[in-house]
Amino acid sequence: MTDVLQPNRVLDCSGLLCPLPVIRTSKAIKEIAIGQVLKVIATDPGAPADMEAWARQTGNELIDAHEENGKYVFFFRRVR
């Protein structure tokens, strides 16, 4: 599925620890249009749980979350 996803923006949060990946994701999603896709890359082991919770709390759609080469990759669609 991720092969066909073309993000409108990529945010690399590698090396950042909680809460910085969530804070930067919150800022970046506001900079793209509703319906567009944001790809986030993180290395923080807490990122999967944090990003899932963030998506639930903000109402933005978590399209995909997976691990790739030791990094966590998330695709969000801006809903509002």
PDB file of N, CA and C in Angstrom:
ATOM      1  N   MET A   1       0.823  -1.204   0.000  1.00  0.00           N
ATOM      2  CA  MET A   1       0.000   0.000   0.000  1.00  0.00           C
ATOM      3  C   MET A   1       0.859   1.256   0.000  1.00  0.00           C
ATOM      4  N   THR A   2       1.945   1.251   0.758  1.00  0.00           N
ATOM      5  CA  THR A   2       2.769   2.452   0.859  1.00  0.00           C
ATOM      6  C   THR A   2       3.462   2.777  -0.455  1.00  0.00           C
ATOM      7  N   ASP A   3       3.611   1.777  -1.337  1.00  0.00           N
ATOM      8  CA  ASP A   3       4.249   2.045  -2.623  1.00  0.00           C
ATOM      9  C   ASP A   3       3.397   2.981  -3.474  1.00  0.00           C
ATOM     10  N   VAL A   4       2.080   2.933  -3.318  1.00  0.00           N
ATOM     11  CA  VAL A   4       1.205   3.770  -4.126  1.00  0.00           C
ATOM     12  C   VAL A   4       0.900   5.105  -3.448  1.00  0.00           C
ATOM     13  N   LEU A   5       1.204   5.225  -2.173  1.00  0.00           N
ATOM     14  CA  LEU A   5       0.963   6.482  -1.468  1.00  0.00           C
ATOM     15  C   LEU A   5       2.016   7.509  -1.864  1.00  0.00           C
ATOM     16  N   GLN A   6       1.565   8.626  -2.337  1.00  0.00           N
ATOM     17  CA  GLN A   6       2.469   9.713  -2.688  1.00  0.00           C
ATOM     18  C   GLN A   6       2.237  10.860  -1.710  1.00  0.00           C
ATOM     19  N   PRO A   7       3.105  11.017  -0.722  1.00  0.00           N
ATOM     20  CA  PRO A   7       2.881  12.089   0.250  1.00  0.00           C
ATOM     21  C   PRO A   7       3.076  13.463  -0.374  1.00  0.00           C
ATOM     22  N   ASN A   8       2.309  14.413   0.132  1.00  0.00           N
ATOM     23  CA  ASN A   8       2.458  15.795  -0.300  1.00  0.00           C
ATOM     24  C   ASN A   8       3.604  16.469   0.441  1.00  0.00           C
ATOM     25  N   ARG A   9       3.946  15.897   1.586  1.00  0.00           N
ATOM     26  CA  ARG A   9       5.050  16.438   2.385  1.00  0.00           C
ATOM     27  C   ARG A   9       5.662  15.302   3.191  1.00  0.00           C
ATOM     28  N   VAL A  10       6.974  15.385   3.412  1.00  0.00           N
ATOM     29  CA  VAL A  10       7.688  14.394   4.224  1.00  0.00           C
ATOM     30  C   VAL A  10       8.317  15.124   5.411  1.00  0.00           C
ATOM     31  N   LEU A  11       8.105  14.574   6.601  1.00  0.00           N
ATOM     32  CA  LEU A  11       8.667  15.138   7.821  1.00  0.00           C
ATOM     33  C   LEU A  11       9.579  14.087   8.442  1.00  0.00           C
ATOM     34  N   ASP A  12      10.866  14.383   8.547  1.00  0.00           N
ATOM     35  CA  ASP A  12      11.824  13.449   9.129  1.00  0.00           C
ATOM     36  C   ASP A  12      12.115  13.848  10.572  1.00  0.00           C
ATOM     37  N   CYS A  13      11.647  13.046  11.506  1.00  0.00           N
ATOM     38  CA  CYS A  13      11.853  13.299  12.936  1.00  0.00           C
ATOM     39  C   CYS A  13      12.880  12.338  13.522  1.00  0.00           C
ATOM     40  N   SER A  14      13.732  11.782  12.677  1.00  0.00           N
ATOM     41  CA  SER A  14      14.761  10.851  13.141  1.00  0.00           C
ATOM     42  C   SER A  14      15.627  11.508  14.201  1.00  0.00           C
ATOM     43  N   GLY A  15      15.882  10.777  15.278  1.00  0.00           N
ATOM     44  CA  GLY A  15      16.744  11.274  16.345  1.00  0.00           C
ATOM     45  C   GLY A  15      16.017  12.106  17.387  1.00  0.00           C
ATOM     46  N   LEU A  16      14.769  12.434  17.153  1.00  0.00           N
ATOM     47  CA  LEU A  16      14.012  13.238  18.117  1.00  0.00           C
ATOM     48  C   LEU A  16      13.241  12.322  19.058  1.00  0.00           C
ATOM     49  N   LEU A  17      13.157  12.721  20.321  1.00  0.00           N
ATOM     50  CA  LEU A  17      12.423  11.951  21.310  1.00  0.00           C
ATOM     51  C   LEU A  17      11.118  12.649  21.666  1.00  0.00           C
ATOM     52  N   CYS A  18      10.206  11.880  22.225  1.00  0.00           N
ATOM     53  CA  CYS A  18       8.901  12.394  22.653  1.00  0.00           C
ATOM     54  C   CYS A  18       9.107  13.601  23.566  1.00  0.00           C
ATOM     55  N   PRO A  19       8.351  14.640  23.378  1.00  0.00           N
ATOM     56  CA  PRO A  19       7.172  14.791  22.535  1.00  0.00           C
ATOM     57  C   PRO A  19       7.443  15.458  21.182  1.00  0.00           C
ATOM     58  N   LEU A  20       8.700  15.650  20.814  1.00  0.00           N
ATOM     59  CA  LEU A  20       9.013  16.422  19.602  1.00  0.00           C
ATOM     60  C   LEU A  20       8.422  15.856  18.315  1.00  0.00           C
ATOM     61  N   PRO A  21       8.445  14.535  18.067  1.00  0.00           N
ATOM     62  CA  PRO A  21       7.829  14.060  16.824  1.00  0.00           C
ATOM     63  C   PRO A  21       6.336  14.417  16.719  1.00  0.00           C
ATOM     64  N   VAL A  22       5.621  14.318  17.830  1.00  0.00           N
ATOM     65  CA  VAL A  22       4.191  14.653  17.823  1.00  0.00           C
ATOM     66  C   VAL A  22       3.995  16.153  17.614  1.00  0.00           C
ATOM     67  N   ILE A  23       4.784  16.957  18.276  1.00  0.00           N
ATOM     68  CA  ILE A  23       4.673  18.415  18.129  1.00  0.00           C
ATOM     69  C   ILE A  23       4.955  18.826  16.688  1.00  0.00           C
ATOM     70  N   ARG A  24       5.999  18.285  16.110  1.00  0.00           N
ATOM     71  CA  ARG A  24       6.338  18.642  14.720  1.00  0.00           C
ATOM     72  C   ARG A  24       5.312  18.103  13.723  1.00  0.00           C
ATOM     73  N   THR A  25       4.752  16.936  14.010  1.00  0.00           N
ATOM     74  CA  THR A  25       3.693  16.396  13.155  1.00  0.00           C
ATOM     75  C   THR A  25       2.462  17.296  13.207  1.00  0.00           C
ATOM     76  N   SER A  26       2.109  17.754  14.398  1.00  0.00           N
ATOM     77  CA  SER A  26       0.956  18.650  14.555  1.00  0.00           C
ATOM     78  C   SER A  26       1.142  19.927  13.744  1.00  0.00           C
ATOM     79  N   LYS A  27       2.342  20.459  13.768  1.00  0.00           N
ATOM     80  CA  LYS A  27       2.626  21.690  13.019  1.00  0.00           C
ATOM     81  C   LYS A  27       2.606  21.418  11.514  1.00  0.00           C
ATOM     82  N   ALA A  28       3.238  20.327  11.087  1.00  0.00           N
ATOM     83  CA  ALA A  28       3.350  20.027   9.659  1.00  0.00           C
ATOM     84  C   ALA A  28       2.001  19.720   9.022  1.00  0.00           C
ATOM     85  N   ILE A  29       1.112  19.046   9.750  1.00  0.00           N
ATOM     86  CA  ILE A  29      -0.185  18.681   9.159  1.00  0.00           C
ATOM     87  C   ILE A  29      -1.014  19.926   8.887  1.00  0.00           C
ATOM     88  N   LYS A  30      -0.796  20.974   9.679  1.00  0.00           N
ATOM     89  CA  LYS A  30      -1.531  22.230   9.477  1.00  0.00           C
ATOM     90  C   LYS A  30      -1.023  23.002   8.263  1.00  0.00           C
ATOM     91  N   GLU A  31       0.147  22.612   7.760  1.00  0.00           N
ATOM     92  CA  GLU A  31       0.746  23.310   6.623  1.00  0.00           C
ATOM     93  C   GLU A  31       0.404  22.673   5.282  1.00  0.00           C
ATOM     94  N   ILE A  32      -0.373  21.571   5.319  1.00  0.00           N
ATOM     95  CA  ILE A  32      -0.827  20.963   4.073  1.00  0.00           C
ATOM     96  C   ILE A  32      -2.346  21.111   4.007  1.00  0.00           C
ATOM     97  N   ALA A  33      -2.894  20.959   2.833  1.00  0.00           N
ATOM     98  CA  ALA A  33      -4.333  21.131   2.642  1.00  0.00           C
ATOM     99  C   ALA A  33      -5.107  19.909   3.125  1.00  0.00           C
ATOM    100  N   ILE A  34      -6.359  20.119   3.461  1.00  0.00           N
ATOM    101  CA  ILE A  34      -7.242  19.021   3.838  1.00  0.00           C
ATOM    102  C   ILE A  34      -7.281  18.027   2.680  1.00  0.00           C
ATOM    103  N   GLY A  35      -7.129  16.745   3.005  1.00  0.00           N
ATOM    104  CA  GLY A  35      -7.113  15.691   1.998  1.00  0.00           C
ATOM    105  C   GLY A  35      -5.716  15.290   1.557  1.00  0.00           C
ATOM    106  N   GLN A  36      -4.730  16.130   1.839  1.00  0.00           N
ATOM    107  CA  GLN A  36      -3.361  15.803   1.451  1.00  0.00           C
ATOM    108  C   GLN A  36      -2.733  14.843   2.466  1.00  0.00           C
ATOM    109  N   VAL A  37      -1.598  14.246   2.066  1.00  0.00           N
ATOM    110  CA  VAL A  37      -0.947  13.204   2.868  1.00  0.00           C
ATOM    111  C   VAL A  37       0.417  13.682   3.378  1.00  0.00           C
ATOM    112  N   LEU A  38       0.649  13.417   4.654  1.00  0.00           N
ATOM    113  CA  LEU A  38       1.922  13.721   5.310  1.00  0.00           C
ATOM    114  C   LEU A  38       2.591  12.399   5.676  1.00  0.00           C
ATOM    115  N   LYS A  39       3.847  12.258   5.263  1.00  0.00           N
ATOM    116  CA  LYS A  39       4.650  11.091   5.646  1.00  0.00           C
ATOM    117  C   LYS A  39       5.577  11.531   6.773  1.00  0.00           C
ATOM    118  N   VAL A  40       5.582  10.772   7.861  1.00  0.00           N
ATOM    119  CA  VAL A  40       6.431  11.083   9.014  1.00  0.00           C
ATOM    120  C   VAL A  40       7.366   9.904   9.257  1.00  0.00           C
ATOM    121  N   ILE A  41       8.642  10.208   9.449  1.00  0.00           N
ATOM    122  CA  ILE A  41       9.662   9.205   9.755  1.00  0.00           C
ATOM    123  C   ILE A  41      10.173   9.499  11.164  1.00  0.00           C
ATOM    124  N   ALA A  42      10.216   8.472  12.011  1.00  0.00           N
ATOM    125  CA  ALA A  42      10.664   8.660  13.392  1.00  0.00           C
ATOM    126  C   ALA A  42      11.494   7.468  13.839  1.00  0.00           C
ATOM    127  N   THR A  43      12.351   7.715  14.841  1.00  0.00           N
ATOM    128  CA  THR A  43      13.166   6.640  15.406  1.00  0.00           C
ATOM    129  C   THR A  43      12.829   6.384  16.875  1.00  0.00           C
ATOM    130  N   ASP A  44      12.062   7.250  17.483  1.00  0.00           N
ATOM    131  CA  ASP A  44      11.679   7.112  18.890  1.00  0.00           C
ATOM    132  C   ASP A  44      10.845   5.841  19.069  1.00  0.00           C
ATOM    133  N   PRO A  45      11.256   4.920  19.961  1.00  0.00           N
ATOM    134  CA  PRO A  45      10.497   3.677  20.161  1.00  0.00           C
ATOM    135  C   PRO A  45       9.055   3.918  20.594  1.00  0.00           C
ATOM    136  N   GLY A  46       8.783   5.069  21.177  1.00  0.00           N
ATOM    137  CA  GLY A  46       7.419   5.378  21.609  1.00  0.00           C
ATOM    138  C   GLY A  46       6.560   5.965  20.498  1.00  0.00           C
ATOM    139  N   ALA A  47       7.152   6.202  19.343  1.00  0.00           N
ATOM    140  CA  ALA A  47       6.437   6.863  18.250  1.00  0.00           C
ATOM    141  C   ALA A  47       5.183   6.120  17.787  1.00  0.00           C
ATOM    142  N   PRO A  48       5.202   4.803  17.619  1.00  0.00           N
ATOM    143  CA  PRO A  48       3.973   4.141  17.152  1.00  0.00           C
ATOM    144  C   PRO A  48       2.760   4.422  18.045  1.00  0.00           C
ATOM    145  N   ALA A  49       2.920   4.262  19.337  1.00  0.00           N
ATOM    146  CA  ALA A  49       1.806   4.524  20.259  1.00  0.00           C
ATOM    147  C   ALA A  49       1.445   6.004  20.270  1.00  0.00           C
ATOM    148  N   ASP A  50       2.452   6.864  20.279  1.00  0.00           N
ATOM    149  CA  ASP A  50       2.209   8.308  20.310  1.00  0.00           C
ATOM    150  C   ASP A  50       1.474   8.783  19.061  1.00  0.00           C
ATOM    151  N   MET A  51       1.892   8.313  17.903  1.00  0.00           N
ATOM    152  CA  MET A  51       1.284   8.762  16.647  1.00  0.00           C
ATOM    153  C   MET A  51      -0.146   8.241  16.493  1.00  0.00           C
ATOM    154  N   GLU A  52      -0.384   6.993  16.937  1.00  0.00           N
ATOM    155  CA  GLU A  52      -1.749   6.463  16.891  1.00  0.00           C
ATOM    156  C   GLU A  52      -2.663   7.280  17.797  1.00  0.00           C
ATOM    157  N   ALA A  53      -2.188   7.606  18.990  1.00  0.00           N
ATOM    158  CA  ALA A  53      -2.978   8.412  19.926  1.00  0.00           C
ATOM    159  C   ALA A  53      -3.216   9.809  19.363  1.00  0.00           C
ATOM    160  N   TRP A  54      -2.199  10.392  18.766  1.00  0.00           N
ATOM    161  CA  TRP A  54      -2.330  11.732  18.173  1.00  0.00           C
ATOM    162  C   TRP A  54      -3.395  11.736  17.083  1.00  0.00           C
ATOM    163  N   ALA A  55      -3.375  10.721  16.216  1.00  0.00           N
ATOM    164  CA  ALA A  55      -4.361  10.642  15.130  1.00  0.00           C
ATOM    165  C   ALA A  55      -5.777  10.537  15.702  1.00  0.00           C
ATOM    166  N   ARG A  56      -5.957   9.693  16.713  1.00  0.00           N
ATOM    167  CA  ARG A  56      -7.278   9.549  17.349  1.00  0.00           C
ATOM    168  C   ARG A  56      -7.742  10.876  17.943  1.00  0.00           C
ATOM    169  N   GLN A  57      -6.847  11.559  18.637  1.00  0.00           N
ATOM    170  CA  GLN A  57      -7.204  12.790  19.340  1.00  0.00           C
ATOM    171  C   GLN A  57      -7.474  13.948  18.390  1.00  0.00           C
ATOM    172  N   THR A  58      -6.783  13.991  17.257  1.00  0.00           N
ATOM    173  CA  THR A  58      -6.944  15.120  16.336  1.00  0.00           C
ATOM    174  C   THR A  58      -7.958  14.854  15.237  1.00  0.00           C
ATOM    175  N   GLY A  59      -8.295  13.580  15.029  1.00  0.00           N
ATOM    176  CA  GLY A  59      -9.239  13.243  13.971  1.00  0.00           C
ATOM    177  C   GLY A  59      -8.590  13.089  12.611  1.00  0.00           C
ATOM    178  N   ASN A  60      -7.275  13.227  12.521  1.00  0.00           N
ATOM    179  CA  ASN A  60      -6.587  12.998  11.252  1.00  0.00           C
ATOM    180  C   ASN A  60      -6.455  11.496  11.029  1.00  0.00           C
ATOM    181  N   GLU A  61      -6.474  11.085   9.765  1.00  0.00           N
ATOM    182  CA  GLU A  61      -6.489   9.670   9.432  1.00  0.00           C
ATOM    183  C   GLU A  61      -5.081   9.088   9.358  1.00  0.00           C
ATOM    184  N   LEU A  62      -4.834   8.055  10.146  1.00  0.00           N
ATOM    185  CA  LEU A  62      -3.578   7.305  10.055  1.00  0.00           C
ATOM    186  C   LEU A  62      -3.794   6.250   8.976  1.00  0.00           C
ATOM    187  N   ILE A  63      -3.239   6.502   7.794  1.00  0.00           N
ATOM    188  CA  ILE A  63      -3.440   5.618   6.647  1.00  0.00           C
ATOM    189  C   ILE A  63      -2.595   4.362   6.777  1.00  0.00           C
ATOM    190  N   ASP A  64      -1.350   4.536   7.219  1.00  0.00           N
ATOM    191  CA  ASP A  64      -0.429   3.405   7.306  1.00  0.00           C
ATOM    192  C   ASP A  64       0.636   3.695   8.347  1.00  0.00           C
ATOM    193  N   ALA A  65       1.065   2.649   9.038  1.00  0.00           N
ATOM    194  CA  ALA A  65       2.175   2.749   9.993  1.00  0.00           C
ATOM    195  C   ALA A  65       2.957   1.444   9.894  1.00  0.00           C
ATOM    196  N   HIS A  66       4.247   1.565   9.665  1.00  0.00           N
ATOM    197  CA  HIS A  66       5.073   0.364   9.585  1.00  0.00           C
ATOM    198  C   HIS A  66       6.518   0.701   9.940  1.00  0.00           C
ATOM    199  N   GLU A  67       7.317  -0.354  10.129  1.00  0.00           N
ATOM    200  CA  GLU A  67       8.736  -0.176  10.420  1.00  0.00           C
ATOM    201  C   GLU A  67       9.511  -0.489   9.150  1.00  0.00           C
ATOM    202  N   GLU A  68      10.498   0.350   8.867  1.00  0.00           N
ATOM    203  CA  GLU A  68      11.282   0.211   7.639  1.00  0.00           C
ATOM    204  C   GLU A  68      12.730   0.567   7.945  1.00  0.00           C
ATOM    205  N   ASN A  69      13.615  -0.400   7.825  1.00  0.00           N
ATOM    206  CA  ASN A  69      15.048  -0.179   8.064  1.00  0.00           C
ATOM    207  C   ASN A  69      15.327   0.440   9.432  1.00  0.00           C
ATOM    208  N   GLY A  70      14.640  -0.050  10.454  1.00  0.00           N
ATOM    209  CA  GLY A  70      14.862   0.429  11.818  1.00  0.00           C
ATOM    210  C   GLY A  70      14.204   1.759  12.136  1.00  0.00           C
ATOM    211  N   LYS A  71      13.398   2.276  11.223  1.00  0.00           N
ATOM    212  CA  LYS A  71      12.685   3.532  11.452  1.00  0.00           C
ATOM    213  C   LYS A  71      11.188   3.280  11.355  1.00  0.00           C
ATOM    214  N   TYR A  72      10.437   4.110  12.031  1.00  0.00           N
ATOM    215  CA  TYR A  72       8.980   4.021  11.988  1.00  0.00           C
ATOM    216  C   TYR A  72       8.479   5.012  10.940  1.00  0.00           C
ATOM    217  N   VAL A  73       7.590   4.542  10.090  1.00  0.00           N
ATOM    218  CA  VAL A  73       7.073   5.372   9.000  1.00  0.00           C
ATOM    219  C   VAL A  73       5.552   5.443   9.132  1.00  0.00           C
ATOM    220  N   PHE A  74       5.026   6.653   9.069  1.00  0.00           N
ATOM    221  CA  PHE A  74       3.585   6.878   9.218  1.00  0.00           C
ATOM    222  C   PHE A  74       3.099   7.717   8.041  1.00  0.00           C
ATOM    223  N   PHE A  75       1.892   7.421   7.601  1.00  0.00           N
ATOM    224  CA  PHE A  75       1.228   8.227   6.583  1.00  0.00           C
ATOM    225  C   PHE A  75      -0.083   8.713   7.163  1.00  0.00           C
ATOM    226  N   PHE A  76      -0.254  10.030   7.205  1.00  0.00           N
ATOM    227  CA  PHE A  76      -1.469  10.639   7.718  1.00  0.00           C
ATOM    228  C   PHE A  76      -2.166  11.425   6.615  1.00  0.00           C
ATOM    229  N   ARG A  77      -3.489  11.344   6.600  1.00  0.00           N
ATOM    230  CA  ARG A  77      -4.258  12.198   5.700  1.00  0.00           C
ATOM    231  C   ARG A  77      -4.898  13.283   6.579  1.00  0.00           C
ATOM    232  N   ARG A  78      -4.710  14.536   6.163  1.00  0.00           N
ATOM    233  CA  ARG A  78      -5.312  15.635   6.914  1.00  0.00           C
ATOM    234  C   ARG A  78      -6.820  15.627   6.686  1.00  0.00           C
ATOM    235  N   VAL A  79      -7.559  15.544   7.765  1.00  0.00           N
ATOM    236  CA  VAL A  79      -9.003  15.483   7.690  1.00  0.00           C
ATOM    237  C   VAL A  79      -9.621  16.838   7.994  1.00  0.00           C
ATOM    238  N   ARG A  80      -8.992  17.555   8.923  1.00  0.00           N
ATOM    239  CA  ARG A  80      -9.522  18.880   9.259  1.00  0.00           C
ATOM    240  C   ARG A  80      -8.424  19.860   9.579  1.00  0.00           C
TER     241      ARG A  80
END
